[in-house]
Amino acid sequence: MNNGNYLDLIVTFEKGIVIIFLGDGNGSFILSDAANTGVASIPCSIALTDFNSDNCLDFVIADRAENTIVILFLETVMDNYQTK
């Protein structure tokens, strides 16, 4: 997520909570950022790609409760997601 050389982790929870952890290279993860897709949301799948061609990974989340998708755009290399 931060263009580092380590694997990162994205975790979703009911009530629309999405938490991003960055790999530290030692097998641990550091809390980086959080986003919310909505209180009634139940995220069930995540896919990563560069949707807006800005060389930063964005992610799309499928919402089982509302039968919709939410795209979170990474505005900078490290954090600051914007929901669309």
C-alpha atoms as a PDB file:
ATOM      1  CA  MET A   1       0.000   0.000   0.000  1.00  0.00           C
ATOM      2  CA  ASN A   2       2.879   2.376   0.684  1.00  0.00           C
ATOM      3  CA  ASN A   3       5.067   1.236  -2.235  1.00  0.00           C
ATOM      4  CA  GLY A   4       7.397  -0.481   0.238  1.00  0.00           C
ATOM      5  CA  ASN A   5       9.020  -3.836  -0.289  1.00  0.00           C
ATOM      6  CA  TYR A   6       6.963  -5.571   2.416  1.00  0.00           C
ATOM      7  CA  LEU A   7       3.558  -7.217   2.350  1.00  0.00           C
ATOM      8  CA  ASP A   8       0.768  -5.141   3.861  1.00  0.00           C
ATOM      9  CA  LEU A   9      -2.550  -6.255   5.322  1.00  0.00           C
ATOM     10  CA  ILE A  10      -6.121  -4.975   4.954  1.00  0.00           C
ATOM     11  CA  VAL A  11      -8.742  -6.217   7.421  1.00  0.00           C
ATOM     12  CA  THR A  12     -12.488  -5.613   7.198  1.00  0.00           C
ATOM     13  CA  PHE A  13     -15.105  -5.893   9.914  1.00  0.00           C
ATOM     14  CA  GLU A  14     -18.874  -5.641  10.044  1.00  0.00           C
ATOM     15  CA  LYS A  15     -20.234  -2.119  10.410  1.00  0.00           C
ATOM     16  CA  GLY A  16     -17.995  -1.040   7.512  1.00  0.00           C
ATOM     17  CA  ILE A  17     -14.663  -0.804   9.292  1.00  0.00           C
ATOM     18  CA  VAL A  18     -11.571  -1.232   7.110  1.00  0.00           C
ATOM     19  CA  ILE A  19      -8.144  -1.206   8.779  1.00  0.00           C
ATOM     20  CA  ILE A  20      -4.824  -1.002   6.934  1.00  0.00           C
ATOM     21  CA  PHE A  21      -1.625  -2.380   8.425  1.00  0.00           C
ATOM     22  CA  LEU A  22       1.796  -1.852   6.831  1.00  0.00           C
ATOM     23  CA  GLY A  23       4.388  -4.623   6.951  1.00  0.00           C
ATOM     24  CA  ASP A  24       7.541  -3.678   8.859  1.00  0.00           C
ATOM     25  CA  GLY A  25       9.824  -6.276   7.293  1.00  0.00           C
ATOM     26  CA  ASN A  26      10.185  -8.240  10.526  1.00  0.00           C
ATOM     27  CA  GLY A  27       6.996 -10.268  10.197  1.00  0.00           C
ATOM     28  CA  SER A  28       4.892  -7.720  12.087  1.00  0.00           C
ATOM     29  CA  PHE A  29       2.419  -5.088  10.953  1.00  0.00           C
ATOM     30  CA  ILE A  30       2.005  -1.468  12.013  1.00  0.00           C
ATOM     31  CA  LEU A  31      -1.418   0.207  12.099  1.00  0.00           C
ATOM     32  CA  SER A  32      -1.445   2.728   9.277  1.00  0.00           C
ATOM     33  CA  ASP A  33      -4.947   3.936   8.561  1.00  0.00           C
ATOM     34  CA  ALA A  34      -8.628   3.147   8.834  1.00  0.00           C
ATOM     35  CA  ALA A  35     -11.653   3.826   6.676  1.00  0.00           C
ATOM     36  CA  ASN A  36     -15.374   3.317   7.063  1.00  0.00           C
ATOM     37  CA  THR A  37     -17.704   2.151   4.304  1.00  0.00           C
ATOM     38  CA  GLY A  38     -20.876   2.834   6.296  1.00  0.00           C
ATOM     39  CA  VAL A  39     -22.529   1.622   9.490  1.00  0.00           C
ATOM     40  CA  ALA A  40     -24.941  -0.712   7.653  1.00  0.00           C
ATOM     41  CA  SER A  41     -22.107  -2.120   5.540  1.00  0.00           C
ATOM     42  CA  ILE A  42     -20.798  -5.695   5.748  1.00  0.00           C
ATOM     43  CA  PRO A  43     -17.574  -5.816   3.698  1.00  0.00           C
ATOM     44  CA  CYS A  44     -17.029  -9.302   2.248  1.00  0.00           C
ATOM     45  CA  SER A  45     -14.334  -9.019  -0.458  1.00  0.00           C
ATOM     46  CA  ILE A  46     -11.437  -6.708  -1.318  1.00  0.00           C
ATOM     47  CA  ALA A  47      -9.554  -6.243  -4.590  1.00  0.00           C
ATOM     48  CA  LEU A  48      -6.531  -4.006  -5.183  1.00  0.00           C
ATOM     49  CA  THR A  49      -5.530  -2.159  -8.342  1.00  0.00           C
ATOM     50  CA  ASP A  50      -4.622   1.334  -9.504  1.00  0.00           C
ATOM     51  CA  PHE A  51      -8.108   2.471 -10.576  1.00  0.00           C
ATOM     52  CA  ASN A  52      -7.195   6.086 -11.346  1.00  0.00           C
ATOM     53  CA  SER A  53      -3.712   5.578 -12.896  1.00  0.00           C
ATOM     54  CA  ASP A  54      -1.848   7.618 -10.264  1.00  0.00           C
ATOM     55  CA  ASN A  55       0.680   4.854  -9.446  1.00  0.00           C
ATOM     56  CA  CYS A  56      -0.894   4.234  -6.008  1.00  0.00           C
ATOM     57  CA  LEU A  57      -2.880   1.111  -5.193  1.00  0.00           C
ATOM     58  CA  ASP A  58      -6.574   1.732  -4.587  1.00  0.00           C
ATOM     59  CA  PHE A  59      -9.037  -0.846  -3.372  1.00  0.00           C
ATOM     60  CA  VAL A  60     -12.609  -1.847  -4.014  1.00  0.00           C
ATOM     61  CA  ILE A  61     -14.717  -3.460  -1.314  1.00  0.00           C
ATOM     62  CA  ALA A  62     -17.816  -5.548  -1.990  1.00  0.00           C
ATOM     63  CA  ASP A  63     -20.602  -4.844   0.494  1.00  0.00           C
ATOM     64  CA  ARG A  64     -22.778  -7.885   1.194  1.00  0.00           C
ATOM     65  CA  ALA A  65     -25.417  -5.986   3.193  1.00  0.00           C
ATOM     66  CA  GLU A  66     -26.151  -3.329   0.587  1.00  0.00           C
ATOM     67  CA  ASN A  67     -25.161  -5.277  -2.575  1.00  0.00           C
ATOM     68  CA  THR A  68     -22.856  -2.465  -3.633  1.00  0.00           C
ATOM     69  CA  ILE A  69     -19.157  -1.781  -4.000  1.00  0.00           C
ATOM     70  CA  VAL A  70     -17.083   0.996  -2.442  1.00  0.00           C
ATOM     71  CA  ILE A  71     -13.875   2.209  -4.080  1.00  0.00           C
ATOM     72  CA  LEU A  72     -11.281   3.791  -1.793  1.00  0.00           C
ATOM     73  CA  PHE A  73      -8.721   5.867  -3.683  1.00  0.00           C
ATOM     74  CA  LEU A  74      -5.253   6.291  -2.240  1.00  0.00           C
ATOM     75  CA  GLU A  75      -4.459   9.980  -2.671  1.00  0.00           C
ATOM     76  CA  THR A  76      -0.851   9.759  -1.514  1.00  0.00           C
ATOM     77  CA  VAL A  77       1.638   6.957  -1.220  1.00  0.00           C
ATOM     78  CA  MET A  78       1.160   6.522   2.543  1.00  0.00           C
ATOM     79  CA  ASP A  79      -2.456   7.187   3.488  1.00  0.00           C
ATOM     80  CA  ASN A  80      -5.474   9.482   3.016  1.00  0.00           C
ATOM     81  CA  TYR A  81      -8.141   7.325   1.413  1.00  0.00           C
ATOM     82  CA  GLN A  82     -11.104   8.940  -0.254  1.00  0.00           C
ATOM     83  CA  THR A  83     -14.377   7.002  -0.582  1.00  0.00           C
ATOM     84  CA  LYS A  84     -16.151   7.094  -3.946  1.00  0.00           C
END
